[in-house]
N, C-alpha and C. Protein backbone atom coordinates (compact mmCIF):
# COMPACT_ATOMS: atom_id res chain seq x y z
N UNK A 1 34.76 168.68 98.10
CA UNK A 1 34.62 168.24 96.72
C UNK A 1 35.86 168.57 95.89
N UNK A 2 36.42 169.75 96.13
CA UNK A 2 37.60 170.17 95.38
C UNK A 2 38.76 169.21 95.61
N UNK A 3 38.89 168.68 96.82
CA UNK A 3 39.95 167.72 97.13
C UNK A 3 39.83 166.45 96.30
N UNK A 4 38.60 166.02 96.03
CA UNK A 4 38.38 164.82 95.23
C UNK A 4 38.84 165.04 93.79
N UNK A 5 38.55 166.21 93.25
CA UNK A 5 39.01 166.53 91.89
C UNK A 5 40.54 166.48 91.81
N UNK A 6 41.19 166.95 92.85
CA UNK A 6 42.65 166.99 92.87
C UNK A 6 43.27 165.60 92.93
N UNK A 7 42.50 164.62 93.37
CA UNK A 7 43.00 163.25 93.46
C UNK A 7 42.96 162.51 92.11
N UNK A 8 42.34 163.11 91.12
CA UNK A 8 42.29 162.49 89.79
C UNK A 8 43.64 162.69 89.10
N UNK A 9 44.33 161.60 88.76
CA UNK A 9 45.66 161.72 88.13
C UNK A 9 45.58 162.24 86.69
N UNK A 10 46.69 162.69 86.17
CA UNK A 10 46.75 163.19 84.80
C UNK A 10 46.72 162.02 83.82
N UNK A 11 46.22 162.27 82.63
CA UNK A 11 46.15 161.24 81.60
C UNK A 11 47.53 160.71 81.27
N UNK A 12 48.51 161.59 81.17
CA UNK A 12 49.88 161.20 80.81
C UNK A 12 50.48 160.24 81.83
N UNK A 13 50.21 160.47 83.11
CA UNK A 13 50.74 159.58 84.14
C UNK A 13 50.06 158.22 84.12
N UNK A 14 48.78 158.19 83.81
CA UNK A 14 48.04 156.93 83.72
C UNK A 14 48.53 156.11 82.53
N UNK A 15 48.87 156.78 81.44
CA UNK A 15 49.37 156.10 80.25
C UNK A 15 50.71 155.39 80.49
N UNK A 16 51.44 155.84 81.50
CA UNK A 16 52.74 155.26 81.80
C UNK A 16 52.66 154.11 82.81
N UNK A 17 51.49 153.87 83.35
CA UNK A 17 51.33 152.80 84.33
C UNK A 17 51.34 151.44 83.66
N UNK A 18 52.03 150.48 84.26
CA UNK A 18 52.23 149.16 83.68
C UNK A 18 50.93 148.46 83.34
N UNK A 19 49.93 148.54 84.27
CA UNK A 19 48.66 147.85 84.05
C UNK A 19 47.95 148.35 82.78
N UNK A 20 48.13 149.65 82.50
CA UNK A 20 47.47 150.25 81.34
C UNK A 20 48.35 150.16 80.10
N UNK A 21 49.63 150.35 80.29
CA UNK A 21 50.59 150.34 79.18
C UNK A 21 50.62 148.99 78.48
N UNK A 22 50.32 147.92 79.21
CA UNK A 22 50.36 146.57 78.64
C UNK A 22 49.34 146.39 77.51
N UNK A 23 48.31 147.24 77.50
CA UNK A 23 47.27 147.14 76.47
C UNK A 23 47.70 147.72 75.12
N UNK A 24 48.90 148.29 75.08
CA UNK A 24 49.42 148.81 73.81
C UNK A 24 49.66 147.70 72.79
N UNK A 25 49.73 146.45 73.28
CA UNK A 25 49.90 145.32 72.36
C UNK A 25 48.56 144.94 71.71
N UNK A 26 47.48 145.51 72.22
CA UNK A 26 46.14 145.19 71.71
C UNK A 26 45.50 146.39 71.02
N UNK A 27 45.64 147.59 71.64
CA UNK A 27 44.99 148.78 71.11
C UNK A 27 46.00 149.84 70.71
N UNK A 28 45.55 150.78 69.89
CA UNK A 28 46.39 151.92 69.54
C UNK A 28 46.48 152.86 70.74
N UNK A 29 47.54 153.65 70.76
CA UNK A 29 47.76 154.63 71.84
C UNK A 29 46.55 155.55 71.98
N UNK A 30 46.05 156.04 70.84
CA UNK A 30 44.92 156.98 70.86
C UNK A 30 43.67 156.33 71.43
N UNK A 31 43.49 155.03 71.18
CA UNK A 31 42.31 154.32 71.69
C UNK A 31 42.37 154.21 73.21
N UNK A 32 43.55 153.89 73.73
CA UNK A 32 43.73 153.77 75.18
C UNK A 32 43.52 155.14 75.84
N UNK A 33 44.07 156.16 75.22
CA UNK A 33 43.92 157.53 75.75
C UNK A 33 42.45 157.93 75.81
N UNK A 34 41.69 157.54 74.80
CA UNK A 34 40.27 157.86 74.76
C UNK A 34 39.51 157.17 75.90
N UNK A 35 39.87 155.90 76.17
CA UNK A 35 39.24 155.14 77.25
C UNK A 35 39.55 155.80 78.60
N UNK A 36 40.80 156.24 78.77
CA UNK A 36 41.20 156.90 80.01
C UNK A 36 40.39 158.18 80.21
N UNK A 37 40.27 158.97 79.16
CA UNK A 37 39.53 160.23 79.24
C UNK A 37 38.06 159.99 79.55
N UNK A 38 37.49 158.91 78.98
CA UNK A 38 36.10 158.56 79.27
C UNK A 38 35.93 158.18 80.74
N UNK A 39 36.89 157.42 81.26
CA UNK A 39 36.85 157.00 82.65
C UNK A 39 36.95 158.21 83.59
N UNK A 40 37.89 159.09 83.31
CA UNK A 40 38.07 160.27 84.16
C UNK A 40 36.85 161.19 84.10
N UNK A 41 36.24 161.28 82.92
CA UNK A 41 35.03 162.10 82.79
C UNK A 41 33.90 161.54 83.65
N UNK A 42 33.83 160.21 83.72
CA UNK A 42 32.80 159.56 84.54
C UNK A 42 33.03 159.86 86.02
N UNK A 43 34.29 159.78 86.45
CA UNK A 43 34.60 160.07 87.85
C UNK A 43 34.31 161.53 88.18
N UNK A 44 34.63 162.44 87.27
CA UNK A 44 34.34 163.86 87.51
C UNK A 44 32.84 164.10 87.64
N UNK A 45 32.07 163.39 86.79
CA UNK A 45 30.61 163.53 86.84
C UNK A 45 30.06 163.02 88.17
N UNK A 46 30.64 161.93 88.67
CA UNK A 46 30.19 161.37 89.95
C UNK A 46 30.53 162.31 91.11
N UNK A 47 31.70 162.94 91.01
CA UNK A 47 32.09 163.90 92.05
C UNK A 47 31.14 165.09 92.05
N UNK A 48 30.83 165.56 90.85
CA UNK A 48 29.93 166.70 90.71
C UNK A 48 28.54 166.38 91.26
N UNK A 49 28.12 165.12 91.05
CA UNK A 49 26.80 164.70 91.53
C UNK A 49 26.83 164.27 93.00
N UNK A 50 28.01 164.41 93.62
CA UNK A 50 28.21 164.02 95.02
C UNK A 50 27.89 162.54 95.27
N UNK A 51 28.26 161.72 94.25
CA UNK A 51 28.01 160.29 94.34
C UNK A 51 29.23 159.53 94.85
N UNK A 52 30.30 160.25 95.14
CA UNK A 52 31.53 159.63 95.65
C UNK A 52 31.96 160.30 96.95
N UNK A 53 32.29 159.46 97.93
CA UNK A 53 32.80 160.00 99.19
C UNK A 53 34.33 160.12 99.16
N UNK A 54 34.94 159.25 98.37
CA UNK A 54 36.39 159.25 98.26
C UNK A 54 36.79 158.71 96.90
N UNK A 55 38.02 158.98 96.51
CA UNK A 55 38.54 158.52 95.23
C UNK A 55 40.04 158.35 95.36
N UNK A 56 40.58 157.31 94.70
CA UNK A 56 42.03 157.12 94.69
C UNK A 56 42.47 156.54 93.36
N UNK A 57 43.76 156.51 93.17
CA UNK A 57 44.32 156.07 91.89
C UNK A 57 43.99 154.62 91.58
N UNK A 58 43.97 153.78 92.59
CA UNK A 58 43.66 152.36 92.39
C UNK A 58 42.28 152.18 91.79
N UNK A 59 41.30 152.92 92.33
CA UNK A 59 39.93 152.86 91.81
C UNK A 59 39.89 153.24 90.33
N UNK A 60 40.62 154.29 90.00
CA UNK A 60 40.61 154.80 88.63
C UNK A 60 41.27 153.80 87.68
N UNK A 61 42.41 153.27 88.08
CA UNK A 61 43.13 152.30 87.24
C UNK A 61 42.28 151.05 87.01
N UNK A 62 41.62 150.58 88.06
CA UNK A 62 40.75 149.40 87.94
C UNK A 62 39.61 149.66 86.96
N UNK A 63 39.05 150.87 87.02
CA UNK A 63 37.97 151.23 86.11
C UNK A 63 38.46 151.25 84.66
N UNK A 64 39.64 151.82 84.44
CA UNK A 64 40.21 151.91 83.10
C UNK A 64 40.51 150.52 82.56
N UNK A 65 41.13 149.68 83.38
CA UNK A 65 41.46 148.30 82.97
C UNK A 65 40.18 147.53 82.64
N UNK A 66 39.15 147.71 83.44
CA UNK A 66 37.87 147.05 83.20
C UNK A 66 37.26 147.49 81.86
N UNK A 67 37.37 148.77 81.59
CA UNK A 67 36.86 149.31 80.32
C UNK A 67 37.63 148.74 79.14
N UNK A 68 38.95 148.63 79.29
CA UNK A 68 39.79 148.10 78.22
C UNK A 68 39.51 146.61 78.00
N UNK A 69 39.24 145.89 79.09
CA UNK A 69 38.91 144.46 78.97
C UNK A 69 37.59 144.25 78.22
N UNK A 70 36.66 145.17 78.43
CA UNK A 70 35.36 145.04 77.79
C UNK A 70 35.36 145.57 76.36
N UNK A 71 36.35 146.37 76.06
CA UNK A 71 36.43 146.97 74.71
C UNK A 71 36.84 145.90 73.69
N UNK A 72 36.13 145.83 72.59
CA UNK A 72 36.44 144.87 71.53
C UNK A 72 37.33 145.55 70.49
N UNK A 73 38.44 144.89 70.16
CA UNK A 73 39.32 145.43 69.13
C UNK A 73 38.62 145.40 67.77
N UNK A 74 37.93 144.30 67.52
CA UNK A 74 37.21 144.16 66.25
C UNK A 74 35.71 144.20 66.53
N UNK A 75 34.98 145.01 65.78
CA UNK A 75 33.56 145.19 66.04
C UNK A 75 32.70 144.08 65.45
N UNK A 76 33.21 143.37 64.45
CA UNK A 76 32.45 142.27 63.89
C UNK A 76 32.49 141.07 64.83
N UNK A 77 31.33 140.48 65.09
CA UNK A 77 31.26 139.32 65.97
C UNK A 77 30.11 138.41 65.55
N UNK A 78 30.10 137.21 66.06
CA UNK A 78 29.05 136.25 65.74
C UNK A 78 27.74 136.63 66.43
N UNK A 79 26.64 136.45 65.72
CA UNK A 79 25.31 136.67 66.29
C UNK A 79 24.42 135.50 65.90
N UNK A 80 23.27 135.40 66.53
CA UNK A 80 22.30 134.36 66.20
C UNK A 80 21.28 134.95 65.23
N UNK A 81 21.09 134.31 64.09
CA UNK A 81 20.11 134.77 63.11
C UNK A 81 18.76 134.15 63.44
N UNK A 82 17.90 134.92 64.09
CA UNK A 82 16.57 134.46 64.44
C UNK A 82 15.50 135.10 63.58
N UNK A 83 15.89 135.64 62.42
CA UNK A 83 14.96 136.39 61.58
C UNK A 83 14.11 135.49 60.69
N UNK A 84 14.60 134.28 60.40
CA UNK A 84 13.90 133.41 59.46
C UNK A 84 14.38 133.61 58.04
N UNK A 85 15.24 134.61 57.81
CA UNK A 85 15.82 134.86 56.49
C UNK A 85 17.21 134.24 56.44
N UNK A 86 17.41 133.27 55.56
CA UNK A 86 18.69 132.55 55.51
C UNK A 86 19.81 133.44 54.98
N UNK A 87 19.60 134.05 53.81
CA UNK A 87 20.61 134.96 53.24
C UNK A 87 20.22 136.38 53.65
N UNK A 88 20.67 136.80 54.83
CA UNK A 88 20.29 138.10 55.40
C UNK A 88 21.37 139.13 55.10
N UNK A 89 20.99 140.20 54.39
CA UNK A 89 21.97 141.21 53.98
C UNK A 89 22.59 141.96 55.16
N UNK A 90 21.88 142.04 56.29
CA UNK A 90 22.41 142.75 57.45
C UNK A 90 23.23 141.85 58.38
N UNK A 91 23.13 140.54 58.17
CA UNK A 91 23.80 139.60 59.06
C UNK A 91 24.89 138.78 58.36
N UNK A 92 25.51 139.39 57.34
CA UNK A 92 26.64 138.72 56.70
C UNK A 92 26.32 138.00 55.41
N UNK A 93 25.05 138.05 55.00
CA UNK A 93 24.63 137.40 53.75
C UNK A 93 24.87 135.88 53.81
N UNK A 94 25.38 135.29 52.72
CA UNK A 94 25.57 133.84 52.69
C UNK A 94 26.78 133.44 53.54
N UNK A 95 26.64 132.33 54.25
CA UNK A 95 27.75 131.83 55.06
C UNK A 95 28.74 131.09 54.17
N UNK A 96 30.02 131.17 54.52
CA UNK A 96 31.05 130.46 53.78
C UNK A 96 31.14 129.02 54.25
N UNK A 97 31.39 128.13 53.32
CA UNK A 97 31.57 126.72 53.68
C UNK A 97 32.94 126.54 54.33
N UNK A 98 33.12 125.44 55.05
CA UNK A 98 34.41 125.16 55.68
C UNK A 98 35.52 125.08 54.65
N UNK A 99 35.21 124.51 53.49
CA UNK A 99 36.22 124.38 52.43
C UNK A 99 36.66 125.76 51.93
N UNK A 100 35.70 126.66 51.76
CA UNK A 100 36.02 128.02 51.31
C UNK A 100 36.85 128.76 52.35
N UNK A 101 36.48 128.61 53.63
CA UNK A 101 37.20 129.27 54.71
C UNK A 101 38.63 128.76 54.78
N UNK A 102 38.81 127.45 54.66
CA UNK A 102 40.16 126.86 54.70
C UNK A 102 41.01 127.39 53.56
N UNK A 103 40.41 127.57 52.38
CA UNK A 103 41.16 128.08 51.24
C UNK A 103 41.53 129.55 51.44
N UNK A 104 40.60 130.34 52.01
CA UNK A 104 40.87 131.75 52.28
C UNK A 104 42.05 131.88 53.25
N UNK A 105 42.03 131.08 54.31
CA UNK A 105 43.11 131.11 55.31
C UNK A 105 44.44 130.71 54.66
N UNK A 106 44.40 129.64 53.87
CA UNK A 106 45.63 129.14 53.24
C UNK A 106 46.25 130.18 52.29
N UNK A 107 45.41 130.79 51.47
CA UNK A 107 45.91 131.75 50.47
C UNK A 107 46.29 133.08 51.12
N UNK A 108 45.52 133.50 52.14
CA UNK A 108 45.73 134.81 52.76
C UNK A 108 46.95 134.86 53.68
N UNK A 109 47.45 133.72 54.08
CA UNK A 109 48.61 133.70 54.98
C UNK A 109 49.92 133.53 54.23
N UNK A 110 49.89 133.73 52.91
CA UNK A 110 51.11 133.66 52.09
C UNK A 110 50.89 134.54 50.86
N UNK A 111 51.94 134.72 50.07
CA UNK A 111 51.79 135.45 48.82
C UNK A 111 50.97 134.61 47.85
N UNK A 112 50.26 135.27 46.93
CA UNK A 112 49.41 134.55 45.99
C UNK A 112 49.47 135.21 44.61
N UNK A 113 48.86 134.55 43.65
CA UNK A 113 48.81 135.08 42.28
C UNK A 113 47.54 135.90 42.05
N UNK A 114 47.22 136.76 43.01
CA UNK A 114 46.01 137.57 42.95
C UNK A 114 45.91 138.34 41.64
N UNK A 115 46.97 139.03 41.26
CA UNK A 115 46.99 139.77 40.01
C UNK A 115 48.23 139.40 39.19
N UNK A 116 48.45 138.10 39.09
CA UNK A 116 49.60 137.64 38.32
C UNK A 116 49.22 136.40 37.53
N UNK A 117 49.50 136.42 36.24
CA UNK A 117 49.21 135.30 35.35
C UNK A 117 50.39 134.35 35.37
N UNK A 118 50.24 133.22 36.02
CA UNK A 118 51.33 132.26 36.17
C UNK A 118 51.75 131.65 34.83
N UNK A 119 50.81 131.46 33.91
CA UNK A 119 51.13 130.87 32.61
C UNK A 119 51.91 131.83 31.72
N UNK A 120 51.51 133.10 31.73
CA UNK A 120 52.19 134.10 30.89
C UNK A 120 53.40 134.72 31.57
N UNK A 121 53.47 134.58 32.90
CA UNK A 121 54.59 135.15 33.63
C UNK A 121 54.55 136.67 33.66
N UNK A 122 53.36 137.23 33.71
CA UNK A 122 53.22 138.68 33.72
C UNK A 122 51.99 139.07 34.54
N UNK A 123 51.80 140.40 34.71
CA UNK A 123 50.67 140.87 35.49
C UNK A 123 49.35 140.39 34.90
N UNK A 124 48.45 139.94 35.78
CA UNK A 124 47.15 139.46 35.34
C UNK A 124 46.03 140.28 35.95
N UNK A 125 44.85 139.72 35.99
CA UNK A 125 43.68 140.41 36.53
C UNK A 125 43.12 139.63 37.72
N UNK A 126 42.72 140.35 38.74
CA UNK A 126 42.13 139.70 39.91
C UNK A 126 40.76 139.10 39.58
N UNK A 127 40.14 139.59 38.51
CA UNK A 127 38.82 139.08 38.14
C UNK A 127 38.90 137.71 37.46
N UNK A 128 40.05 137.37 36.94
CA UNK A 128 40.18 136.11 36.20
C UNK A 128 39.88 134.89 37.07
N UNK A 129 40.05 135.02 38.38
CA UNK A 129 39.83 133.89 39.29
C UNK A 129 38.36 133.53 39.43
N UNK A 130 37.47 134.50 39.19
CA UNK A 130 36.04 134.22 39.34
C UNK A 130 35.25 134.39 38.04
N UNK A 131 35.84 135.10 37.07
CA UNK A 131 35.10 135.39 35.84
C UNK A 131 34.67 134.11 35.12
N UNK A 132 35.59 133.16 34.98
CA UNK A 132 35.26 131.93 34.26
C UNK A 132 34.17 131.14 34.97
N UNK A 133 34.23 131.13 36.31
CA UNK A 133 33.20 130.42 37.08
C UNK A 133 31.82 131.02 36.80
N UNK A 134 31.75 132.36 36.80
CA UNK A 134 30.47 133.03 36.61
C UNK A 134 29.94 132.85 35.20
N UNK A 135 30.82 133.01 34.20
CA UNK A 135 30.39 132.87 32.81
C UNK A 135 29.89 131.45 32.54
N UNK A 136 30.54 130.46 33.11
CA UNK A 136 30.09 129.07 32.95
C UNK A 136 28.75 128.85 33.62
N UNK A 137 28.56 129.52 34.75
CA UNK A 137 27.33 129.33 35.54
C UNK A 137 26.12 129.96 34.87
N UNK A 138 26.28 131.19 34.34
CA UNK A 138 25.13 131.92 33.78
C UNK A 138 25.11 131.95 32.25
N UNK A 139 26.18 131.44 31.61
CA UNK A 139 26.22 131.42 30.16
C UNK A 139 26.51 132.76 29.53
N UNK A 140 27.23 133.63 30.24
CA UNK A 140 27.57 134.95 29.70
C UNK A 140 28.91 134.92 28.98
N UNK A 141 29.15 135.94 28.16
CA UNK A 141 30.42 136.04 27.44
C UNK A 141 31.53 136.52 28.36
N UNK A 142 31.18 137.38 29.31
CA UNK A 142 32.17 137.93 30.24
C UNK A 142 31.46 138.27 31.54
N UNK A 143 32.22 138.51 32.59
CA UNK A 143 31.63 138.84 33.89
C UNK A 143 32.53 139.82 34.62
N UNK A 144 31.92 140.62 35.47
CA UNK A 144 32.65 141.58 36.29
C UNK A 144 32.09 141.55 37.69
N UNK A 145 32.95 141.40 38.68
CA UNK A 145 32.52 141.36 40.08
C UNK A 145 32.65 142.76 40.68
N UNK A 146 31.57 143.25 41.28
CA UNK A 146 31.59 144.56 41.93
C UNK A 146 31.19 144.40 43.39
N UNK A 147 31.24 145.50 44.13
CA UNK A 147 31.03 145.45 45.57
C UNK A 147 29.58 145.23 45.98
N UNK A 148 28.63 145.83 45.23
CA UNK A 148 27.24 145.72 45.65
C UNK A 148 26.28 145.94 44.49
N UNK A 149 25.00 145.83 44.80
CA UNK A 149 23.94 145.97 43.80
C UNK A 149 23.96 147.34 43.16
N UNK A 150 24.21 148.38 43.96
CA UNK A 150 24.22 149.75 43.43
C UNK A 150 25.29 149.91 42.36
N UNK A 151 26.48 149.36 42.61
CA UNK A 151 27.58 149.46 41.65
C UNK A 151 27.24 148.70 40.37
N UNK A 152 26.66 147.51 40.52
CA UNK A 152 26.30 146.70 39.35
C UNK A 152 25.24 147.41 38.50
N UNK A 153 24.25 148.01 39.16
CA UNK A 153 23.19 148.73 38.45
C UNK A 153 23.75 149.93 37.70
N UNK A 154 24.63 150.68 38.35
CA UNK A 154 25.21 151.87 37.73
C UNK A 154 26.04 151.52 36.50
N UNK A 155 26.86 150.47 36.60
CA UNK A 155 27.71 150.06 35.48
C UNK A 155 26.86 149.56 34.31
N UNK A 156 25.83 148.77 34.63
CA UNK A 156 24.97 148.23 33.58
C UNK A 156 24.23 149.34 32.83
N UNK A 157 23.69 150.31 33.58
CA UNK A 157 22.96 151.41 32.96
C UNK A 157 23.90 152.29 32.14
N UNK A 158 25.08 152.56 32.69
CA UNK A 158 26.06 153.40 31.97
C UNK A 158 26.50 152.74 30.67
N UNK A 159 26.58 151.40 30.68
CA UNK A 159 27.03 150.67 29.50
C UNK A 159 25.97 150.58 28.41
N UNK A 160 24.70 150.40 28.81
CA UNK A 160 23.66 150.13 27.84
C UNK A 160 22.66 151.26 27.63
N UNK A 161 22.54 152.18 28.57
CA UNK A 161 21.46 153.15 28.48
C UNK A 161 21.89 154.60 28.67
N UNK A 162 23.14 154.90 28.47
CA UNK A 162 23.59 156.28 28.68
C UNK A 162 22.89 157.21 27.68
N UNK A 163 22.35 158.30 28.20
CA UNK A 163 21.61 159.30 27.41
C UNK A 163 20.31 158.73 26.85
N UNK A 164 19.89 157.57 27.36
CA UNK A 164 18.62 156.97 26.93
C UNK A 164 17.66 156.90 28.11
N UNK A 165 16.43 156.48 27.83
CA UNK A 165 15.46 156.33 28.89
C UNK A 165 15.57 154.96 29.55
N UNK A 166 15.41 154.93 30.86
CA UNK A 166 15.36 153.68 31.61
C UNK A 166 13.96 153.60 32.21
N UNK A 167 13.19 152.61 31.77
CA UNK A 167 11.81 152.47 32.22
C UNK A 167 11.76 151.62 33.48
N UNK A 168 11.20 152.18 34.55
CA UNK A 168 11.11 151.47 35.83
C UNK A 168 9.73 151.68 36.44
N UNK A 169 9.17 150.59 36.98
CA UNK A 169 7.90 150.68 37.68
C UNK A 169 8.08 151.56 38.92
N UNK A 170 7.11 152.42 39.18
CA UNK A 170 7.19 153.34 40.32
C UNK A 170 7.40 152.57 41.63
N UNK A 171 6.83 151.40 41.74
CA UNK A 171 6.98 150.60 42.96
C UNK A 171 8.37 150.04 43.16
N UNK A 172 9.21 150.11 42.12
CA UNK A 172 10.58 149.60 42.21
C UNK A 172 11.61 150.70 42.46
N UNK A 173 11.16 151.93 42.67
CA UNK A 173 12.09 153.04 42.92
C UNK A 173 12.49 153.02 44.40
N UNK A 174 13.28 152.04 44.75
CA UNK A 174 13.61 151.76 46.15
C UNK A 174 15.07 152.02 46.45
N UNK A 175 15.39 151.90 47.72
CA UNK A 175 16.79 151.98 48.16
C UNK A 175 17.41 150.60 47.98
N UNK A 176 18.59 150.54 47.35
CA UNK A 176 19.19 149.24 47.05
C UNK A 176 20.51 149.00 47.78
N UNK A 177 20.71 149.68 48.89
CA UNK A 177 21.93 149.48 49.65
C UNK A 177 22.43 150.78 50.24
N UNK A 178 22.51 150.84 51.57
CA UNK A 178 22.98 152.07 52.20
C UNK A 178 22.04 153.21 51.85
N UNK A 179 22.59 154.29 51.30
CA UNK A 179 21.76 155.44 50.92
C UNK A 179 21.58 155.53 49.41
N UNK A 180 21.90 154.42 48.71
CA UNK A 180 21.78 154.42 47.25
C UNK A 180 20.33 154.17 46.84
N UNK A 181 19.76 155.08 46.07
CA UNK A 181 18.39 154.93 45.59
C UNK A 181 18.40 154.84 44.06
N UNK A 182 17.45 154.08 43.54
CA UNK A 182 17.40 153.83 42.10
C UNK A 182 17.44 155.13 41.27
N UNK A 183 16.62 156.15 41.58
CA UNK A 183 16.65 157.39 40.77
C UNK A 183 18.04 158.04 40.75
N UNK A 184 18.72 158.02 41.89
CA UNK A 184 20.05 158.63 41.96
C UNK A 184 21.06 157.84 41.13
N UNK A 185 20.97 156.51 41.20
CA UNK A 185 21.88 155.65 40.43
C UNK A 185 21.70 155.89 38.94
N UNK A 186 20.45 155.99 38.49
CA UNK A 186 20.16 156.21 37.07
C UNK A 186 20.70 157.56 36.63
N UNK A 187 20.55 158.58 37.47
CA UNK A 187 21.03 159.92 37.14
C UNK A 187 22.55 159.95 37.02
N UNK A 188 23.23 159.33 37.98
CA UNK A 188 24.70 159.29 37.96
C UNK A 188 25.20 158.51 36.75
N UNK A 189 24.43 157.50 36.32
CA UNK A 189 24.84 156.66 35.19
C UNK A 189 24.69 157.38 33.86
N UNK A 190 24.05 158.55 33.85
CA UNK A 190 23.90 159.32 32.62
C UNK A 190 22.66 158.98 31.82
N UNK A 191 21.70 158.28 32.45
CA UNK A 191 20.46 157.93 31.76
C UNK A 191 19.30 158.77 32.28
N UNK A 192 18.13 158.64 31.63
CA UNK A 192 16.95 159.39 32.03
C UNK A 192 15.91 158.42 32.58
N UNK A 193 15.41 158.71 33.76
CA UNK A 193 14.43 157.85 34.41
C UNK A 193 13.04 158.08 33.82
N UNK A 194 12.38 156.98 33.45
CA UNK A 194 11.00 157.04 32.96
C UNK A 194 10.15 156.18 33.89
N UNK A 195 9.40 156.86 34.77
CA UNK A 195 8.54 156.12 35.72
C UNK A 195 7.26 155.68 35.02
N UNK A 196 6.82 154.44 35.34
CA UNK A 196 5.57 153.94 34.81
C UNK A 196 4.76 153.32 35.95
N UNK A 197 3.45 153.30 35.79
CA UNK A 197 2.60 152.67 36.77
C UNK A 197 2.43 153.49 38.03
N UNK A 198 1.93 152.83 39.07
CA UNK A 198 1.73 153.48 40.36
C UNK A 198 2.56 152.77 41.41
N UNK A 199 2.44 153.20 42.66
CA UNK A 199 3.24 152.61 43.72
C UNK A 199 2.97 151.12 43.92
N UNK A 200 1.69 150.72 43.80
CA UNK A 200 1.35 149.31 44.07
C UNK A 200 0.87 148.53 42.85
N UNK A 201 0.88 149.17 41.68
CA UNK A 201 0.44 148.43 40.49
C UNK A 201 1.02 149.02 39.22
N UNK A 202 1.51 148.15 38.36
CA UNK A 202 2.04 148.59 37.06
C UNK A 202 1.48 147.68 35.98
């Protein structure tokens, strides 16, 4: 068994091998090193369990290359939505139209006026590109785009109800994204929570 352990090459020598080194164009050095260490740990476990009669460098390199081939550089991928919910918060929410995607690609592959006012010739606001659309749509005086529901709730409460009471039905004291809960958002916003009703009736 000891002889099999001795046949396991060092991580540094494996990193210098052409078959493995070629993956540096796809993955970071640390990522490749981690895959190598995982592979070697698996071989050591098999030796310990007496599940291997022999071991050689070719076997190890093939295993590492196979692991790298199966490893995804980007974790986001297409899935099939079989839930029956069209706008699913866990599956990417609303899908972008082809026209929107084409515009994103066109603008993102060159410099843009993201925060530059072309008419005034000076720094502008990134919100100006969507604010007018939203105000026209909902009839508001102004609009602000934030990352999620929790952020929108916190800003709204901080603006209108700081140091005041916020009345909420007990059944609505829910989680609104990640680990954000309504009571916590209200507290951070500087308001006081006033629960009314019961869990299933108000």
